[in-house]
Amino acid sequence: MSAPTVDSAPTRATGQATAPAPSDARSPHGAAPGGSAERRRPWLVPLVVLALVAALGIMLMRGFYQDGLLEPGSPTPQGGKAVAEVLDDLGTDVEVQRRMEDAAAALREGRTVVITNPSGLSHEQLELLDAAQQESDARLVLIAPDLVTLSYLTPDVFPSGALHTKTVVPAGGQCGNADFRARSLAVHGTEGLTDSAILYRTSGDASSCFHSGNGALVAVSGDIVVLGSADLLTNEGVRDADNAALALNTLGESGELTWYLPSASDPLSSTTPTLLDHLPRWAGPVTLWGLLVAAVALLALGRRFGPVVVEPLPVTVRPQELVLGRARLLHRADARDAAAQALRSACAVRLAERLGLRRSSGLDALLAALAPHTSSTPEQLRRLLGPTPVTSDQALLALAADLDRLLEETDR
């Protein structure tokens, strides 16, 4: 029979546990595996030094300027340092303002004011800027404004399209003073910083220049100058075509320039400053530097564990605990048939031992040997020891009681 055996003797179970090899374990050649760690990784020290130097250099560089679109102190491709420095060399007084009240005051004083992101201005900022423009005859330069912004400042200029490809646009012959002594302008389209250049149409006394399709890159309405792309003034874009001539003649004519950049700290801004806005400029680079140093330190100081060692750990389990544990599992899973099979197998093994049968004997041989020792009929014994389904807990209890009576009967 292939039934499992339930033995009443103490059971000795053997488990296996895994543990890392001790760090001082010797290699097959008798040397400690970690003894030559420095020789195997000679690049760690130079790597740590280079990382520290690079992080310190980035921190120092970022501490000298703020990076952003048309930031006049930024040397990056999107900054405006090239135009600001050339204007300063030519004698133009260049100042940077980040509050709309200061920019409006500069406009009233007669200074040229350039707004780098007019589309991001709030309702209050636009009204303040319009009031200052009405009180002054100073030039106001807007970089790629949208329709809402233009509706506050001038009714004679409105968007009419966009250039999405890198294009060189000639001035043409109907520009008047709107060409600012530039013969052609180059825009980068989707390859630029603002994805596309905005084209404008004019009405009334407004004029335009550098036409392409149904619009123009430059529009002039009174003292308001509209430029269709920030790429015309950036460090990277000012080198193309006659963009530099346009930038210098537009911004430096009066000799005094106020460069306004929107800021979240402006009380009139449409966005409120977050917690990060209150941190000093060096907080970001220092945090990045600290994370880089921590990562390099973890890499340098990390130790590789030895190979996994399998160690047998013998555990003695009491048979009562094993039987009760298995019974609870079967009861929790409602595995009545499995419990009945276990009971029948254990009973069949004991009966075979008492009757002198081999464990490989089948059920028919066991029933034939049991016939002289019990009053039950062969059909009753087959239902009792055979694979008869058990459908309820009461039937399982009755089966256990019948098997106990059969064992007691064969003891006589």
Protein backbone atom coordinates (compact mmCIF):
# COMPACT_ATOMS: atom_id res chain seq x y z
CA MET A 1 0.00 0.00 0.00
CA SER A 2 1.12 3.51 -0.78
CA ALA A 3 -0.57 5.11 2.20
CA PRO A 4 1.41 7.52 4.41
CA THR A 5 2.39 6.34 7.88
CA VAL A 6 1.44 8.15 11.11
CA ASP A 7 3.92 7.08 13.75
CA SER A 8 3.58 7.72 17.46
CA ALA A 9 7.34 7.87 18.02
CA PRO A 10 9.01 11.25 18.49
CA THR A 11 9.58 12.89 15.14
CA ARG A 12 12.94 14.49 14.27
CA ALA A 13 12.60 17.09 11.53
CA THR A 14 15.58 18.60 9.83
CA GLY A 15 15.51 22.13 8.42
CA GLN A 16 18.10 24.15 6.59
CA ALA A 17 19.07 27.73 7.33
CA THR A 18 21.17 30.02 5.22
CA ALA A 19 23.62 32.52 6.60
CA PRO A 20 26.30 34.69 5.04
CA ALA A 21 29.80 33.43 5.35
CA PRO A 22 31.86 35.18 7.99
CA SER A 23 33.82 38.12 6.66
CA ASP A 24 37.11 36.63 7.84
CA ALA A 25 36.62 33.31 6.05
CA ARG A 26 39.72 32.21 4.24
CA SER A 27 39.91 31.61 0.51
CA PRO A 28 41.11 28.23 -0.85
CA HIS A 29 44.62 29.69 -1.07
CA GLY A 30 44.60 30.74 2.59
CA ALA A 31 44.19 34.48 2.05
CA ALA A 32 41.27 36.51 3.35
CA PRO A 33 38.87 37.45 0.55
CA GLY A 34 38.66 41.04 1.75
CA GLY A 35 42.38 41.43 2.18
CA SER A 36 42.97 42.58 -1.40
CA ALA A 37 39.88 44.80 -1.69
CA GLU A 38 41.99 47.92 -2.11
CA ARG A 39 44.07 46.29 -4.82
CA ARG A 40 40.97 45.10 -6.68
CA ARG A 41 39.31 48.54 -6.60
CA PRO A 42 42.06 51.15 -7.14
CA TRP A 43 39.63 53.47 -8.94
CA LEU A 44 37.54 54.26 -5.86
CA VAL A 45 39.77 56.99 -4.45
CA PRO A 46 40.14 58.92 -7.75
CA LEU A 47 36.40 58.56 -8.35
CA VAL A 48 35.55 60.03 -4.95
CA VAL A 49 37.97 62.93 -5.49
CA LEU A 50 36.59 63.69 -8.97
CA ALA A 51 33.01 63.56 -7.70
CA LEU A 52 33.78 65.98 -4.89
CA VAL A 53 35.59 68.38 -7.20
CA ALA A 54 32.80 68.27 -9.82
CA ALA A 55 30.07 68.80 -7.22
CA LEU A 56 31.98 71.69 -5.66
CA GLY A 57 32.54 73.26 -9.08
CA ILE A 58 28.85 73.02 -9.96
CA MET A 59 27.90 74.53 -6.64
CA LEU A 60 30.26 77.46 -7.10
CA MET A 61 29.18 78.07 -10.70
CA ARG A 62 25.50 77.96 -9.83
CA GLY A 63 26.14 80.35 -6.95
CA PHE A 64 27.33 83.09 -9.33
CA TYR A 65 24.20 83.31 -11.51
CA GLN A 66 20.55 82.36 -11.74
CA ASP A 67 19.61 80.21 -14.68
CA GLY A 68 16.35 80.73 -16.54
CA LEU A 69 14.83 81.87 -19.81
CA LEU A 70 16.41 85.23 -20.76
CA GLU A 71 18.05 85.56 -17.34
CA PRO A 72 20.50 88.45 -17.99
CA GLY A 73 23.22 86.95 -15.78
CA SER A 74 23.02 83.40 -17.14
CA PRO A 75 25.64 82.16 -19.66
CA THR A 76 23.59 79.10 -20.61
CA PRO A 77 22.00 78.85 -24.09
CA GLN A 78 18.62 80.04 -22.80
CA GLY A 79 20.06 82.97 -20.84
CA GLY A 80 20.39 86.58 -21.96
CA LYS A 81 23.87 87.43 -20.67
CA ALA A 82 25.31 88.09 -24.14
CA VAL A 83 22.82 90.85 -24.95
CA ALA A 84 23.02 92.35 -21.45
CA GLU A 85 26.83 92.50 -21.46
CA VAL A 86 27.04 93.99 -24.96
CA LEU A 87 24.50 96.66 -24.02
CA ASP A 88 26.48 97.43 -20.89
CA ASP A 89 29.70 97.73 -22.93
CA LEU A 90 27.94 100.15 -25.28
CA GLY A 91 27.04 102.41 -22.35
CA THR A 92 23.47 101.31 -21.67
CA ASP A 93 22.48 101.27 -18.02
CA VAL A 94 21.03 97.78 -17.52
CA GLU A 95 19.13 96.95 -14.34
CA VAL A 96 17.18 93.83 -13.41
CA GLN A 97 13.82 94.03 -11.65
CA ARG A 98 11.65 91.18 -10.37
CA ARG A 99 8.72 93.18 -9.01
CA MET A 100 6.14 94.71 -11.32
CA GLU A 101 5.86 97.84 -9.18
CA ASP A 102 9.57 98.55 -9.75
CA ALA A 103 9.29 97.83 -13.48
CA ALA A 104 6.28 100.17 -13.79
CA ALA A 105 8.16 102.90 -11.90
CA ALA A 106 11.11 102.51 -14.29
CA LEU A 107 8.74 102.84 -17.25
CA ARG A 108 7.33 106.08 -15.82
CA GLU A 109 10.90 107.38 -15.43
CA GLY A 110 11.45 106.98 -19.16
CA ARG A 111 13.54 103.79 -19.09
CA THR A 112 13.06 101.10 -21.74
CA VAL A 113 11.43 98.07 -20.10
CA VAL A 114 11.59 94.55 -21.54
CA ILE A 115 9.10 91.97 -20.25
CA THR A 116 10.55 88.49 -20.81
CA ASN A 117 7.34 86.53 -20.11
CA PRO A 118 4.33 88.81 -20.50
CA SER A 119 1.91 85.91 -20.92
CA GLY A 120 2.54 84.91 -17.30
CA LEU A 121 1.52 88.26 -15.82
CA SER A 122 -1.52 88.51 -13.59
CA HIS A 123 -4.52 90.79 -14.09
CA GLU A 124 -3.19 93.27 -11.53
CA GLN A 125 0.28 93.32 -13.09
CA LEU A 126 -1.09 93.99 -16.57
CA GLU A 127 -3.27 96.83 -15.32
CA LEU A 128 -0.32 98.38 -13.48
CA LEU A 129 1.87 98.06 -16.58
CA ASP A 130 -0.81 99.60 -18.81
CA ALA A 131 -1.26 102.54 -16.45
CA ALA A 132 2.49 103.18 -16.43
CA GLN A 133 2.58 102.96 -20.23
CA GLN A 134 -0.20 105.54 -20.55
CA GLU A 135 1.71 107.97 -18.31
CA SER A 136 5.02 107.65 -20.15
CA ASP A 137 6.45 107.74 -23.66
CA ALA A 138 9.16 105.15 -22.87
CA ARG A 139 9.51 102.00 -24.93
CA LEU A 140 7.92 98.77 -23.70
CA VAL A 141 9.26 95.56 -25.28
CA LEU A 142 7.12 92.41 -25.00
CA ILE A 143 8.56 88.97 -25.77
CA ALA A 144 5.99 86.64 -27.41
CA PRO A 145 2.84 87.97 -25.66
CA ASP A 146 -0.48 86.19 -26.08
CA LEU A 147 -3.84 87.67 -27.05
CA VAL A 148 -4.93 88.32 -23.46
CA THR A 149 -1.79 90.28 -22.68
CA LEU A 150 -2.09 92.36 -25.85
CA SER A 151 -5.74 93.14 -25.12
CA TYR A 152 -4.63 95.00 -21.97
CA LEU A 153 -1.80 96.97 -23.60
CA THR A 154 -2.67 97.62 -27.26
CA PRO A 155 -5.68 96.82 -29.46
CA ASP A 156 -3.71 97.14 -32.71
CA VAL A 157 -1.57 93.98 -32.42
CA PHE A 158 -2.91 90.44 -32.20
CA PRO A 159 -1.51 86.93 -32.86
CA SER A 160 -2.18 85.43 -36.29
CA GLY A 161 -0.12 82.24 -36.45
CA ALA A 162 3.17 80.59 -35.60
CA LEU A 163 6.41 79.34 -37.15
CA HIS A 164 7.18 75.77 -36.12
CA THR A 165 10.29 75.24 -38.25
CA LYS A 166 13.74 76.79 -38.19
CA THR A 167 13.44 79.74 -40.55
CA VAL A 168 15.30 82.85 -41.65
CA VAL A 169 12.80 85.63 -42.34
CA PRO A 170 13.91 88.67 -44.41
CA ALA A 171 12.83 92.17 -43.52
CA GLY A 172 11.13 93.02 -46.82
CA GLY A 173 10.42 96.49 -48.11
CA GLN A 174 7.41 97.68 -46.07
CA CYS A 175 8.82 97.82 -42.57
CA GLY A 176 9.54 101.48 -41.94
CA ASN A 177 11.23 101.77 -38.56
CA ALA A 178 10.00 98.34 -37.45
CA ASP A 179 13.07 96.57 -38.86
CA PHE A 180 15.40 98.20 -36.27
CA ARG A 181 18.18 98.14 -38.91
CA ALA A 182 18.13 94.34 -39.20
CA ARG A 183 17.93 92.74 -42.64
CA SER A 184 16.80 89.26 -41.55
CA LEU A 185 15.86 87.34 -38.41
CA ALA A 186 16.37 83.67 -37.58
CA VAL A 187 14.01 81.65 -35.38
CA HIS A 188 14.47 78.04 -34.34
CA GLY A 189 10.85 76.85 -34.26
CA THR A 190 10.43 73.53 -32.44
CA GLU A 191 14.22 73.32 -32.09
CA GLY A 192 14.22 76.47 -29.97
CA LEU A 193 13.38 77.12 -26.34
CA THR A 194 9.73 78.07 -26.83
CA ASP A 195 8.77 75.41 -29.45
CA SER A 196 7.48 77.99 -31.94
CA ALA A 197 7.68 81.65 -32.91
CA ILE A 198 4.46 83.68 -32.78
CA LEU A 199 3.41 85.78 -35.77
CA TYR A 200 1.39 88.99 -35.33
CA ARG A 201 -0.91 91.11 -37.48
CA THR A 202 -1.44 94.81 -36.99
CA SER A 203 -4.20 97.34 -37.55
CA GLY A 204 -4.59 101.10 -37.31
CA ASP A 205 -1.32 102.99 -36.92
CA ALA A 206 0.69 99.91 -35.91
CA SER A 207 3.41 98.60 -38.24
CA SER A 208 5.08 95.23 -38.65
CA CYS A 209 8.18 93.69 -40.20
CA PHE A 210 9.75 90.32 -41.03
CA HIS A 211 6.61 88.87 -42.55
CA SER A 212 6.00 85.17 -43.02
CA GLY A 213 2.63 83.93 -44.20
CA ASN A 214 -0.18 85.88 -42.59
CA GLY A 215 1.88 87.53 -39.86
CA ALA A 216 5.15 89.14 -38.85
CA LEU A 217 7.81 88.46 -36.22
CA VAL A 218 8.04 92.11 -35.14
CA ALA A 219 5.17 94.53 -34.55
CA VAL A 220 5.28 98.13 -33.35
CA SER A 221 2.30 99.98 -31.89
CA GLY A 222 3.27 103.42 -30.60
CA ASP A 223 5.91 102.84 -27.90
CA ILE A 224 5.14 99.13 -27.63
CA VAL A 225 7.41 96.70 -29.49
CA VAL A 226 6.31 93.07 -29.83
CA LEU A 227 8.91 90.38 -30.61
CA GLY A 228 7.57 86.99 -31.66
CA SER A 229 10.20 84.71 -30.12
CA ALA A 230 12.49 84.61 -27.10
CA ASP A 231 15.13 82.96 -29.32
CA LEU A 232 15.82 86.39 -30.83
CA LEU A 233 17.48 87.48 -27.56
CA THR A 234 18.96 84.30 -26.05
CA ASN A 235 22.68 83.58 -25.91
CA GLU A 236 22.27 80.87 -28.52
CA GLY A 237 19.83 82.62 -30.84
CA VAL A 238 21.36 86.10 -30.87
CA ARG A 239 24.27 84.83 -33.00
CA ASP A 240 22.01 83.92 -35.95
CA ALA A 241 21.25 86.26 -38.86
CA ASP A 242 20.73 89.86 -37.67
CA ASN A 243 19.17 88.94 -34.32
CA ALA A 244 21.91 90.84 -32.50
CA ALA A 245 21.15 94.06 -34.41
CA LEU A 246 17.47 93.75 -33.56
CA ALA A 247 18.22 93.13 -29.86
CA LEU A 248 20.68 96.00 -29.46
CA ASN A 249 18.64 98.58 -31.39
CA THR A 250 15.39 97.60 -29.67
CA LEU A 251 16.67 97.54 -26.10
CA GLY A 252 19.53 100.06 -26.15
CA GLU A 253 18.09 103.07 -27.96
CA SER A 254 17.28 105.09 -24.84
CA GLY A 255 20.52 104.21 -23.01
CA GLU A 256 18.58 102.96 -19.98
CA LEU A 257 17.11 99.47 -19.83
CA THR A 258 15.08 97.73 -17.13
CA TRP A 259 15.04 93.97 -17.57
CA TYR A 260 11.95 92.54 -15.86
CA LEU A 261 11.68 88.85 -15.04
CA PRO A 262 8.52 87.49 -13.38
CA SER A 263 9.07 86.17 -9.88
CA ALA A 264 6.90 84.15 -7.52
CA SER A 265 7.90 86.54 -4.72
CA ASP A 266 6.21 89.47 -6.49
CA PRO A 267 3.15 90.47 -4.39
CA LEU A 268 1.17 91.02 -7.60
CA SER A 269 2.14 87.68 -9.11
CA SER A 270 -0.57 85.21 -10.06
CA THR A 271 1.39 82.44 -8.32
CA THR A 272 2.19 82.35 -4.62
CA PRO A 273 5.70 81.41 -3.50
CA THR A 274 6.22 77.87 -2.26
CA LEU A 275 8.51 76.66 0.49
CA LEU A 276 11.25 75.97 -2.06
CA ASP A 277 11.14 79.58 -3.24
CA HIS A 278 12.24 80.73 0.22
CA LEU A 279 15.38 78.58 0.18
CA PRO A 280 18.67 80.26 -0.76
CA ARG A 281 20.05 79.74 -4.24
CA TRP A 282 22.80 77.44 -3.00
CA ALA A 283 20.38 75.04 -1.31
CA GLY A 284 19.70 73.02 -4.47
CA PRO A 285 23.37 72.54 -5.47
CA VAL A 286 24.38 71.70 -1.90
CA THR A 287 21.61 69.10 -1.64
CA LEU A 288 22.67 67.55 -4.95
CA TRP A 289 26.29 67.56 -3.82
CA GLY A 290 25.37 65.84 -0.54
CA LEU A 291 23.38 63.13 -2.31
CA LEU A 292 26.26 62.50 -4.71
CA VAL A 293 28.78 62.26 -1.87
CA ALA A 294 26.50 59.88 0.04
CA ALA A 295 26.10 57.63 -3.01
CA VAL A 296 29.85 57.52 -3.62
CA ALA A 297 30.51 56.84 0.06
CA LEU A 298 28.05 53.95 0.09
CA LEU A 299 29.70 52.51 -2.98
CA ALA A 300 33.18 52.89 -1.54
CA LEU A 301 32.42 51.62 1.96
CA GLY A 302 30.07 48.81 0.97
CA ARG A 303 31.49 45.34 1.61
CA ARG A 304 30.67 42.29 -0.41
CA PHE A 305 29.49 39.36 1.68
CA GLY A 306 30.96 35.92 1.16
CA PRO A 307 29.17 33.00 -0.50
CA VAL A 308 26.01 31.61 1.05
CA VAL A 309 26.67 28.74 3.48
CA VAL A 310 24.03 26.04 3.99
CA GLU A 311 24.02 24.68 7.54
CA PRO A 312 21.66 21.86 8.65
CA LEU A 313 19.86 22.69 11.88
CA PRO A 314 18.10 19.58 13.39
CA VAL A 315 14.87 20.40 15.19
CA THR A 316 12.93 17.98 17.41
CA VAL A 317 9.14 18.28 17.09
CA ARG A 318 6.74 16.53 19.48
CA PRO A 319 4.39 14.15 17.61
CA GLN A 320 1.32 15.61 19.34
CA GLU A 321 2.16 19.08 18.02
CA LEU A 322 2.70 17.71 14.53
CA VAL A 323 -0.64 15.84 14.53
CA LEU A 324 -2.55 18.79 15.98
CA GLY A 325 -0.96 21.21 13.54
CA ARG A 326 -1.83 19.06 10.57
CA ALA A 327 -5.37 18.58 11.86
CA ARG A 328 -5.88 22.32 12.24
CA LEU A 329 -4.65 22.91 8.70
CA LEU A 330 -7.02 20.31 7.28
CA HIS A 331 -9.93 21.67 9.31
CA ARG A 332 -9.23 25.25 8.23
CA ALA A 333 -9.15 24.17 4.57
CA ASP A 334 -12.29 21.97 4.89
CA ALA A 335 -10.21 19.10 3.46
CA ARG A 336 -12.41 16.25 4.73
CA ASP A 337 -11.36 13.82 2.01
CA ALA A 338 -7.68 14.42 2.76
CA ALA A 339 -8.31 13.87 6.48
CA ALA A 340 -10.28 10.71 5.77
CA GLN A 341 -7.49 9.41 3.52
CA ALA A 342 -4.93 10.06 6.27
CA LEU A 343 -7.03 8.17 8.84
CA ARG A 344 -7.63 5.22 6.51
CA SER A 345 -3.95 5.04 5.51
CA ALA A 346 -2.80 5.02 9.14
CA CYS A 347 -5.36 2.34 10.03
CA ALA A 348 -4.42 0.20 7.01
CA VAL A 349 -0.71 0.36 7.90
CA ARG A 350 -1.39 -0.81 11.49
CA LEU A 351 -3.70 -3.60 10.31
CA ALA A 352 -1.10 -4.79 7.78
CA GLU A 353 1.57 -4.91 10.49
CA ARG A 354 -0.69 -6.92 12.80
CA LEU A 355 -1.70 -9.38 10.09
CA GLY A 356 1.83 -9.82 8.75
CA LEU A 357 1.20 -8.22 5.36
CA ARG A 358 3.66 -6.18 3.37
CA ARG A 359 3.00 -2.48 2.93
CA SER A 360 2.92 -2.94 -0.82
CA SER A 361 -0.13 -5.21 -0.52
CA GLY A 362 -3.33 -3.90 -2.05
CA LEU A 363 -6.75 -3.32 -0.50
CA ASP A 364 -8.11 -6.67 -1.68
CA ALA A 365 -5.34 -8.58 0.10
CA LEU A 366 -5.97 -6.60 3.30
CA LEU A 367 -9.73 -7.30 3.15
CA ALA A 368 -9.10 -11.02 2.61
CA ALA A 369 -6.76 -11.15 5.62
CA LEU A 370 -9.24 -9.21 7.79
CA ALA A 371 -12.23 -11.47 7.06
CA PRO A 372 -11.47 -14.14 9.76
CA HIS A 373 -10.80 -11.49 12.43
CA THR A 374 -13.89 -9.31 12.21
CA SER A 375 -17.65 -9.65 12.09
CA SER A 376 -17.98 -7.01 9.35
CA THR A 377 -18.80 -8.12 5.82
CA PRO A 378 -16.30 -7.51 2.96
CA GLU A 379 -18.60 -4.80 1.57
CA GLN A 380 -18.62 -2.95 4.93
CA LEU A 381 -14.84 -3.20 5.19
CA ARG A 382 -14.43 -1.90 1.61
CA ARG A 383 -16.64 1.13 2.37
CA LEU A 384 -14.71 1.69 5.59
CA LEU A 385 -11.17 1.40 4.19
CA GLY A 386 -11.81 2.29 0.55
CA PRO A 387 -12.00 5.75 -1.05
CA THR A 388 -15.57 6.49 -0.01
CA PRO A 389 -16.32 10.27 -0.08
CA VAL A 390 -16.86 12.06 3.23
CA THR A 391 -19.35 14.93 2.95
CA SER A 392 -19.62 16.29 6.49
CA ASP A 393 -17.75 16.64 9.77
CA GLN A 394 -20.16 14.18 11.38
CA ALA A 395 -19.35 11.57 8.74
CA LEU A 396 -15.63 12.16 9.34
CA LEU A 397 -16.09 11.63 13.10
CA ALA A 398 -18.11 8.46 12.44
CA LEU A 399 -15.35 7.18 10.16
CA ALA A 400 -12.72 7.75 12.86
CA ALA A 401 -14.86 5.91 15.43
CA ASP A 402 -15.43 2.94 13.06
CA LEU A 403 -11.70 2.69 12.33
CA ASP A 404 -10.94 2.68 16.07
CA ARG A 405 -13.47 -0.14 16.62
CA LEU A 406 -11.90 -2.13 13.76
CA LEU A 407 -8.45 -1.81 15.34
CA GLU A 408 -9.83 -2.87 18.73
CA GLU A 409 -11.57 -5.83 17.15
CA THR A 410 -8.38 -7.07 15.51
CA ASP A 411 -6.54 -6.83 18.85
CA ARG A 412 -8.51 -9.76 20.29
